[in-house]
């Protein structure tokens, strides 16, 4: 398959800060099919990030 390199999508998320520690939950959803006319394959990611504020 010849996958596309670029996509358009939405990235809703929330970050919770507890003191200097942060936890971020983000969901990424692509709107364009990565496979083009060959099928319906969409990019989807669920991210969990940890952060520390100096």
N, C-alpha and C. Protein backbone atom coordinates (compact mmCIF):
# COMPACT_ATOMS: atom_id res chain seq x y z
N UNK A 1 0.84 -1.19 0.00
CA UNK A 1 0.00 0.00 0.00
C UNK A 1 0.87 1.24 0.00
N UNK A 2 0.39 2.25 -0.66
CA UNK A 2 1.09 3.53 -0.72
C UNK A 2 0.38 4.51 0.23
N UNK A 3 0.85 4.63 1.47
CA UNK A 3 0.20 5.46 2.47
C UNK A 3 0.50 6.94 2.25
N UNK A 4 -0.46 7.79 2.62
CA UNK A 4 -0.28 9.23 2.55
C UNK A 4 0.59 9.70 3.70
N UNK A 5 1.34 10.77 3.50
CA UNK A 5 2.22 11.30 4.53
C UNK A 5 1.56 12.37 5.39
N UNK A 6 0.49 13.01 4.92
CA UNK A 6 -0.12 14.12 5.63
C UNK A 6 -1.60 13.84 5.89
N UNK A 7 -2.13 14.44 6.96
CA UNK A 7 -3.50 14.21 7.36
C UNK A 7 -4.06 15.48 8.00
N UNK A 8 -5.36 15.57 8.08
CA UNK A 8 -6.06 16.63 8.79
C UNK A 8 -6.85 15.95 9.89
N UNK A 9 -6.82 16.52 11.10
CA UNK A 9 -7.54 15.86 12.18
C UNK A 9 -7.83 16.77 13.34
N UNK A 10 -8.18 16.15 14.45
CA UNK A 10 -8.50 16.87 15.67
C UNK A 10 -7.75 16.21 16.83
N UNK A 11 -7.34 17.02 17.81
CA UNK A 11 -6.58 16.53 18.96
C UNK A 11 -7.19 17.04 20.27
N UNK A 12 -8.30 16.48 20.75
CA UNK A 12 -8.82 16.90 22.05
C UNK A 12 -8.02 16.25 23.18
N UNK A 13 -7.85 17.00 24.26
CA UNK A 13 -7.11 16.44 25.38
C UNK A 13 -7.30 17.27 26.63
N UNK A 14 -6.76 16.75 27.72
CA UNK A 14 -6.83 17.43 29.00
C UNK A 14 -5.53 17.18 29.76
N UNK A 15 -5.08 18.22 30.47
CA UNK A 15 -3.87 18.10 31.29
C UNK A 15 -4.24 18.42 32.73
N UNK A 16 -3.79 17.58 33.63
CA UNK A 16 -4.04 17.76 35.06
C UNK A 16 -2.71 18.03 35.74
N UNK A 17 -2.59 19.19 36.38
CA UNK A 17 -1.37 19.54 37.13
C UNK A 17 -1.63 19.37 38.62
N UNK A 18 -0.78 18.60 39.27
CA UNK A 18 -0.82 18.42 40.72
C UNK A 18 0.54 18.87 41.23
N UNK A 19 0.58 20.11 41.71
CA UNK A 19 1.87 20.68 42.11
C UNK A 19 2.76 20.86 40.89
N UNK A 20 3.92 20.22 40.90
CA UNK A 20 4.86 20.30 39.77
C UNK A 20 4.74 19.12 38.81
N UNK A 21 3.83 18.20 39.09
CA UNK A 21 3.66 17.01 38.27
C UNK A 21 2.44 17.17 37.36
N UNK A 22 2.58 16.79 36.11
CA UNK A 22 1.47 16.91 35.17
C UNK A 22 1.19 15.59 34.47
N UNK A 23 -0.09 15.33 34.23
CA UNK A 23 -0.53 14.15 33.49
C UNK A 23 -1.43 14.65 32.35
N UNK A 24 -1.12 14.23 31.13
CA UNK A 24 -1.85 14.70 29.96
C UNK A 24 -2.44 13.51 29.22
N UNK A 25 -3.73 13.57 28.92
CA UNK A 25 -4.42 12.57 28.11
C UNK A 25 -4.88 13.25 26.83
N UNK A 26 -4.49 12.74 25.68
CA UNK A 26 -4.85 13.32 24.39
C UNK A 26 -5.27 12.22 23.43
N UNK A 27 -6.33 12.50 22.66
CA UNK A 27 -6.79 11.59 21.62
C UNK A 27 -6.63 12.29 20.28
N UNK A 28 -6.01 11.64 19.33
CA UNK A 28 -5.81 12.19 17.99
C UNK A 28 -6.59 11.36 16.99
N UNK A 29 -7.38 12.04 16.15
CA UNK A 29 -8.20 11.36 15.15
C UNK A 29 -7.99 12.02 13.80
N UNK A 30 -7.60 11.24 12.81
CA UNK A 30 -7.43 11.74 11.45
C UNK A 30 -8.72 11.67 10.67
N UNK A 31 -8.94 12.63 9.77
CA UNK A 31 -10.16 12.68 8.97
C UNK A 31 -9.97 12.15 7.55
N UNK A 32 -8.73 12.11 7.06
CA UNK A 32 -8.47 11.65 5.70
C UNK A 32 -8.00 10.20 5.73
N UNK A 33 -8.47 9.42 4.79
CA UNK A 33 -8.06 8.02 4.70
C UNK A 33 -6.58 7.95 4.30
N UNK A 34 -5.80 7.21 5.06
CA UNK A 34 -4.37 7.08 4.78
C UNK A 34 -4.10 6.25 3.54
N UNK A 35 -5.04 5.39 3.18
CA UNK A 35 -4.86 4.49 2.03
C UNK A 35 -5.46 5.06 0.75
N UNK A 36 -6.03 6.28 0.80
CA UNK A 36 -6.61 6.88 -0.39
C UNK A 36 -7.82 6.12 -0.87
N UNK A 37 -7.85 5.78 -2.14
CA UNK A 37 -8.99 5.07 -2.73
C UNK A 37 -8.96 3.57 -2.47
N UNK A 38 -7.88 3.06 -1.88
CA UNK A 38 -7.71 1.62 -1.69
C UNK A 38 -8.42 1.09 -0.45
N UNK A 39 -8.86 1.97 0.44
CA UNK A 39 -9.54 1.50 1.64
C UNK A 39 -9.75 2.62 2.63
N UNK A 40 -10.45 2.31 3.71
CA UNK A 40 -10.71 3.30 4.75
C UNK A 40 -9.84 3.00 5.96
N UNK A 41 -8.65 3.59 5.97
CA UNK A 41 -7.69 3.42 7.07
C UNK A 41 -7.42 4.81 7.63
N UNK A 42 -7.83 5.05 8.88
CA UNK A 42 -7.69 6.36 9.48
C UNK A 42 -6.69 6.32 10.62
N UNK A 43 -5.96 7.42 10.81
CA UNK A 43 -4.99 7.52 11.90
C UNK A 43 -5.73 7.80 13.21
N UNK A 44 -5.39 7.06 14.26
CA UNK A 44 -5.96 7.27 15.59
C UNK A 44 -4.86 7.00 16.61
N UNK A 45 -4.73 7.90 17.59
CA UNK A 45 -3.73 7.74 18.64
C UNK A 45 -4.33 8.14 19.97
N UNK A 46 -3.96 7.43 21.01
CA UNK A 46 -4.30 7.79 22.38
C UNK A 46 -2.98 8.00 23.10
N UNK A 47 -2.77 9.22 23.60
CA UNK A 47 -1.49 9.58 24.22
C UNK A 47 -1.65 9.78 25.72
N UNK A 48 -0.71 9.29 26.47
CA UNK A 48 -0.61 9.53 27.91
C UNK A 48 0.79 10.08 28.14
N UNK A 49 0.87 11.33 28.60
CA UNK A 49 2.17 11.97 28.81
C UNK A 49 2.30 12.41 30.26
N UNK A 50 3.49 12.25 30.78
CA UNK A 50 3.82 12.72 32.12
C UNK A 50 4.78 13.88 32.00
N UNK A 51 4.61 14.89 32.86
CA UNK A 51 5.45 16.09 32.78
C UNK A 51 5.88 16.50 34.18
N UNK A 52 7.00 17.21 34.23
CA UNK A 52 7.49 17.80 35.48
C UNK A 52 7.84 19.25 35.20
N UNK A 53 7.31 20.16 36.00
CA UNK A 53 7.54 21.60 35.85
C UNK A 53 8.69 22.01 36.77
N UNK A 54 9.72 22.64 36.19
CA UNK A 54 10.88 23.11 36.98
C UNK A 54 10.61 24.43 37.62
